[in-house]
Structures are given as structure tokens and as C-alpha cells.
């Protein structure tokens, strides 16, 4: 009868001892993902230990019959792999929004008596401001020539849109124009110095190839207009100003 009463008591005592032993695996692996274990000398079997437990707990340390070993859960970095194959070409991006229309140069003829050009001339308005090209004073009765500045606007087909005192003809090459000035326009050589501005929104480059002068005050300017995209000659409307140096 005493033996029956002692058996449940013994089982309860063993459970209490196990709980008091503090066997816990929540801190395995330890800090830095490091595993700690004890390897039995001469045999090689290992058991995991939790070094965060009290030293009185056998699960926290190795005995003199064991050797402590440790390892990291994360392995060493491997060598770099070979370069991968080139990826497929990406899809084209969506087209950008259309840009705003460019601002061309507008011109207007000025009559004699104008505030800015008393002898008449031309007014050119662009996005960056207004420019005037005025006619010189009448040189009749004087040894000095009459007109010293000539300005105008020329259509793509060489028609004179604005300005007087000159004529325009197209050359044999596309985009080539000759601007001719009548006798008495200049005082002689070296002749006029000119600037040319291409009108419209299409990109183009203008170049004055050469100027020609004669002793009678006549002369000419050769203008070449080239399309910026194709670098080929292009017939375009343009404005010009020729000034005697």
C-alpha cells in the first residue's frame, strides 16, 4: 500500500526536476546565428548547448570529456558566378508630348517719316525682341552714296516680300540665292556685310558664301540655306540685313 502512494510522488518529482533544469532551445542559435555544441573526445558525437543558460546547467557548457565547437548558420560567401546572358531589348518608350510651335520672325515695311526709321526701312519682330533696318538718307547732290543699309524678306521662290533697293534670284543649286544691289547702293568695295535669318519652324542653317562689290556701288551677296536634319540645300523664306562696313 505504501508503494502505491510513493509511485505518483516519484513521477511528479522527475517532472519538477526537468522543468527546474531549464532545458530551452529558444536561444539556439545564439547571437549572430552561431550554433554552439560539445563534441565528445575520441568519439565525435556532438550535442547542442545554450550558453545563455546558467553555468550550473549542463546544457550551457561542455565537460572535460568534450571539446566545444561552433559554426555559423550562414555559410561563407561563394565566389562570383559567371556573367549572365544579355537581356532582351526593352519595349520602346511612349512618345513624348509635341513641343510648342516655334516663333518665326515677322517683318513689316516702314514708310518715310517713321519714328524709328525716318527714311523708311523694315521692322523685324522675333521672340527675343524687335530689330529695325533703316534706309540711309538720300545722297543726291552729295558725293556720299545714298543707301548704306538694306534689309528685306525673301520668299522661298526668291520673291521679294519686304524691302526695296535689291533683287533676288535663285541659283542652279537648291537653297542658293543671289541678292543683287543696284549701282550707287554702296560707296564701293569691300562691299556689304550681311546677316541672314531663316523664317519658319523648320530647322535650317543659313550661310553667306561671299559678297561682291563694284566701283559703281553695286554688288551682291550669295546665300546658301541648308536643312539641319538632312544637311542638304533647302529653299526657305529668309530675312536679311546688309550693312556697308
Protein backbone atom coordinates (compact mmCIF):
# COMPACT_ATOMS: atom_id res chain seq x y z
CA UNK A 1 0.00 0.00 0.00
CA UNK A 2 2.89 2.36 0.68
CA UNK A 3 4.38 1.56 -2.72
CA UNK A 4 1.21 2.73 -4.49
CA UNK A 5 1.31 6.03 -2.70
CA UNK A 6 5.03 6.60 -3.49
CA UNK A 7 4.83 5.99 -7.29
CA UNK A 8 2.84 9.11 -8.26
CA UNK A 9 5.04 11.14 -5.95
CA UNK A 10 8.23 9.97 -7.72
CA UNK A 11 6.84 10.75 -11.18
CA UNK A 12 5.89 14.26 -10.09
CA UNK A 13 9.38 14.81 -8.68
CA UNK A 14 11.00 13.87 -12.01
CA UNK A 15 8.81 16.32 -13.92
CA UNK A 16 9.70 19.09 -11.47
CA UNK A 17 13.43 18.36 -11.87
CA UNK A 18 13.13 18.51 -15.67
CA UNK A 19 11.37 21.88 -15.50
CA UNK A 20 13.90 23.20 -12.99
CA UNK A 21 16.74 22.12 -15.32
CA UNK A 22 15.71 24.88 -17.74
CA UNK A 23 16.19 22.93 -20.99
CA UNK A 24 15.40 25.68 -23.54
CA UNK A 25 16.08 25.88 -27.26
CA UNK A 26 14.69 29.33 -27.89
CA UNK A 27 18.18 30.86 -27.86
CA UNK A 28 19.69 28.32 -30.23
CA UNK A 29 21.29 29.52 -32.38
CA UNK A 30 22.85 32.26 -30.32
CA UNK A 31 23.76 35.84 -31.24
CA UNK A 32 24.96 36.22 -34.82
CA UNK A 33 23.21 32.98 -35.79
CA UNK A 34 26.07 31.00 -34.15
CA UNK A 35 25.48 27.41 -33.05
CA UNK A 36 27.49 26.13 -30.06
CA UNK A 37 27.97 22.42 -29.32
CA UNK A 38 30.12 19.94 -27.43
CA UNK A 39 31.93 17.14 -29.27
CA UNK A 40 32.77 14.03 -27.32
CA UNK A 41 36.51 13.41 -27.49
CA UNK A 42 37.58 10.26 -29.32
CA UNK A 43 34.03 9.59 -30.50
CA UNK A 44 32.89 12.68 -32.39
CA UNK A 45 29.29 12.82 -31.32
CA UNK A 46 28.03 16.32 -30.63
CA UNK A 47 25.27 17.91 -28.62
CA UNK A 48 23.96 21.43 -28.87
CA UNK A 49 24.31 23.72 -25.87
CA UNK A 50 22.74 27.04 -24.92
CA UNK A 51 25.48 29.27 -23.50
CA UNK A 52 22.89 31.74 -22.24
CA UNK A 53 21.82 29.29 -19.53
CA UNK A 54 23.39 29.39 -16.06
CA UNK A 55 26.79 27.67 -15.83
CA UNK A 56 25.33 25.27 -13.32
CA UNK A 57 23.19 23.88 -16.12
CA UNK A 58 24.91 21.13 -18.09
CA UNK A 59 23.17 22.40 -21.24
CA UNK A 60 25.21 25.62 -21.06
CA UNK A 61 28.75 24.18 -21.20
CA UNK A 62 30.98 21.28 -22.15
CA UNK A 63 32.52 18.77 -19.77
CA UNK A 64 36.21 17.91 -19.60
CA UNK A 65 35.45 14.92 -21.84
CA UNK A 66 34.17 17.18 -24.61
CA UNK A 67 35.52 19.86 -26.91
CA UNK A 68 33.46 22.96 -27.65
CA UNK A 69 32.80 23.67 -31.32
CA UNK A 70 30.73 26.35 -33.02
CA UNK A 71 29.59 27.27 -36.51
CA UNK A 72 27.52 29.93 -38.24
CA UNK A 73 24.19 29.16 -39.80
CA UNK A 74 25.10 31.41 -42.72
CA UNK A 75 27.85 29.95 -44.88
CA UNK A 76 30.81 31.81 -46.30
CA UNK A 77 30.22 33.94 -49.37
CA UNK A 78 30.74 31.95 -52.51
CA UNK A 79 32.81 33.02 -55.49
CA UNK A 80 31.18 35.28 -58.05
CA UNK A 81 29.30 33.41 -60.72
CA UNK A 82 29.79 33.87 -64.46
CA UNK A 83 28.25 36.86 -66.20
CA UNK A 84 24.68 36.23 -67.26
CA UNK A 85 23.37 36.42 -70.79
CA UNK A 86 22.33 39.78 -72.20
CA UNK A 87 18.68 40.51 -71.55
CA UNK A 88 16.09 41.04 -74.23
CA UNK A 89 15.65 44.52 -75.68
CA UNK A 90 13.08 46.52 -73.77
CA UNK A 91 9.89 47.81 -75.31
CA UNK A 92 10.01 51.28 -76.88
CA UNK A 93 9.04 54.08 -74.54
CA UNK A 94 5.92 56.13 -75.05
CA UNK A 95 6.31 59.09 -77.41
CA UNK A 96 6.91 62.42 -75.74
CA UNK A 97 4.47 65.27 -75.97
CA UNK A 98 4.67 67.51 -79.02
CA UNK A 99 6.76 70.60 -78.47
CA UNK A 100 5.34 74.06 -78.75
CA UNK A 101 5.40 75.67 -82.17
CA UNK A 102 8.44 77.82 -82.74
CA UNK A 103 8.12 81.57 -83.16
CA UNK A 104 9.17 82.85 -86.56
CA UNK A 105 10.34 86.33 -87.49
CA UNK A 106 7.66 88.72 -88.73
CA UNK A 107 8.54 91.73 -90.82
CA UNK A 108 6.85 94.96 -91.81
CA UNK A 109 7.84 97.75 -94.18
CA UNK A 110 8.30 101.20 -92.64
CA UNK A 111 7.41 104.29 -94.68
CA UNK A 112 9.38 107.52 -94.80
CA UNK A 113 8.81 109.56 -91.68
CA UNK A 114 8.64 106.59 -89.30
CA UNK A 115 9.80 107.40 -85.76
CA UNK A 116 12.45 104.65 -85.75
CA UNK A 117 13.45 104.92 -89.42
CA UNK A 118 12.94 108.47 -90.73
CA UNK A 119 13.98 107.46 -94.25
CA UNK A 120 11.89 104.30 -94.19
CA UNK A 121 13.07 100.72 -93.86
CA UNK A 122 11.92 97.46 -92.31
CA UNK A 123 10.88 96.27 -88.85
CA UNK A 124 11.62 92.65 -87.81
CA UNK A 125 9.92 91.15 -84.74
CA UNK A 126 11.20 87.91 -83.20
CA UNK A 127 10.82 86.11 -79.87
CA UNK A 128 13.88 87.88 -78.49
CA UNK A 129 12.90 91.40 -79.48
CA UNK A 130 12.45 93.87 -82.33
CA UNK A 131 15.09 94.89 -84.89
CA UNK A 132 14.96 97.80 -87.31
CA UNK A 133 16.76 98.02 -90.63
CA UNK A 134 16.56 101.64 -91.75
CA UNK A 135 17.29 103.11 -95.15
CA UNK A 136 20.05 105.70 -95.36
CA UNK A 137 19.39 109.30 -96.21
CA UNK A 138 19.08 110.42 -99.80
CA UNK A 139 22.54 111.09 -101.17
CA UNK A 140 21.52 113.17 -104.17
CA UNK A 141 23.65 116.30 -104.51
CA UNK A 142 26.34 114.76 -102.34
CA UNK A 143 29.49 112.86 -103.09
CA UNK A 144 28.49 110.26 -100.49
CA UNK A 145 26.38 107.25 -101.54
CA UNK A 146 22.71 107.18 -100.64
CA UNK A 147 21.77 103.84 -99.08
CA UNK A 148 24.14 102.32 -96.55
CA UNK A 149 21.82 99.66 -95.04
CA UNK A 150 19.47 97.40 -96.98
CA UNK A 151 17.11 94.88 -95.38
CA UNK A 152 14.33 92.70 -96.66
CA UNK A 153 12.35 89.49 -96.56
CA UNK A 154 12.62 86.96 -99.38
CA UNK A 155 10.21 84.10 -100.14
CA UNK A 156 11.39 80.56 -100.78
CA UNK A 157 10.85 81.09 -104.52
CA UNK A 158 13.04 84.28 -104.45
CA UNK A 159 10.11 86.75 -104.50
CA UNK A 160 10.77 89.95 -102.56
CA UNK A 161 8.20 90.17 -99.76
CA UNK A 162 9.57 93.19 -97.91
CA UNK A 163 12.19 95.78 -98.67
CA UNK A 164 13.46 97.83 -101.60
CA UNK A 165 16.76 98.55 -103.31
CA UNK A 166 17.61 94.95 -104.19
CA UNK A 167 16.56 91.99 -106.32
CA UNK A 168 16.86 88.25 -105.71
CA UNK A 169 17.43 85.29 -107.99
CA UNK A 170 17.77 81.57 -107.32
CA UNK A 171 20.93 79.71 -108.20
CA UNK A 172 21.25 76.40 -110.00
CA UNK A 173 21.65 74.61 -106.64
CA UNK A 174 18.68 74.15 -104.29
CA UNK A 175 18.80 76.63 -101.42
CA UNK A 176 21.14 79.05 -103.23
CA UNK A 177 20.08 82.71 -103.57
CA UNK A 178 21.82 85.76 -105.04
CA UNK A 179 20.83 89.15 -103.59
CA UNK A 180 21.81 91.92 -106.01
CA UNK A 181 22.13 95.62 -105.20
CA UNK A 182 21.83 98.42 -107.72
CA UNK A 183 24.58 100.89 -108.59
CA UNK A 184 25.01 103.63 -106.01
CA UNK A 185 23.87 101.43 -103.14
CA UNK A 186 27.36 101.22 -101.65
CA UNK A 187 30.34 103.53 -101.75
CA UNK A 188 32.48 100.88 -103.39
CA UNK A 189 34.49 98.00 -102.07
CA UNK A 190 34.90 95.95 -99.88
CA UNK A 191 31.09 95.74 -100.18
CA UNK A 192 28.32 94.95 -97.69
CA UNK A 193 28.42 92.79 -94.59
CA UNK A 194 25.23 90.80 -94.11
CA UNK A 195 23.29 88.59 -91.73
CA UNK A 196 20.57 86.11 -92.70
CA UNK A 197 17.81 84.58 -90.58
CA UNK A 198 15.69 81.69 -91.89
CA UNK A 199 11.97 82.10 -91.21
CA UNK A 200 9.51 79.40 -90.14
CA UNK A 201 9.64 76.48 -87.68
CA UNK A 202 11.68 74.05 -89.80
CA UNK A 203 15.29 73.94 -88.63
CA UNK A 204 17.74 75.28 -91.18
CA UNK A 205 21.14 76.96 -91.30
CA UNK A 206 21.95 79.97 -93.46
CA UNK A 207 25.43 80.86 -94.72
CA UNK A 208 26.65 83.88 -96.67
CA UNK A 209 29.11 82.35 -99.09
CA UNK A 210 30.59 85.57 -100.44
CA UNK A 211 29.87 89.22 -101.18
CA UNK A 212 30.68 91.03 -104.41
CA UNK A 213 31.30 94.75 -104.87
CA UNK A 214 31.88 97.05 -107.84
CA UNK A 215 33.27 100.56 -108.15
CA UNK A 216 29.85 101.91 -109.20
CA UNK A 217 28.42 100.97 -105.79
CA UNK A 218 26.55 97.88 -106.98
CA UNK A 219 27.18 94.41 -105.58
CA UNK A 220 25.66 91.14 -104.49
CA UNK A 221 25.54 88.59 -101.66
CA UNK A 222 25.35 84.83 -102.22
CA UNK A 223 23.28 82.98 -99.59
CA UNK A 224 23.10 79.20 -99.04
CA UNK A 225 20.32 77.66 -96.89
CA UNK A 226 20.76 74.09 -95.64
CA UNK A 227 18.25 71.84 -93.87
CA UNK A 228 19.56 70.97 -90.39
CA UNK A 229 18.28 67.40 -90.49
CA UNK A 230 19.49 66.24 -93.90
CA UNK A 231 22.33 68.77 -94.42
CA UNK A 232 21.01 69.25 -97.94
CA UNK A 233 20.16 72.51 -99.63
CA UNK A 234 16.62 73.76 -98.96
CA UNK A 235 14.53 76.55 -100.45
CA UNK A 236 13.26 78.55 -97.46
CA UNK A 237 11.93 82.01 -96.73
CA UNK A 238 14.51 84.23 -95.05
CA UNK A 239 15.22 87.76 -93.79
CA UNK A 240 18.48 89.59 -94.37
CA UNK A 241 20.25 92.79 -93.40
CA UNK A 242 23.18 94.13 -95.43
CA UNK A 243 25.28 96.94 -93.97
CA UNK A 244 28.20 98.78 -95.50
CA UNK A 245 31.25 98.33 -93.22
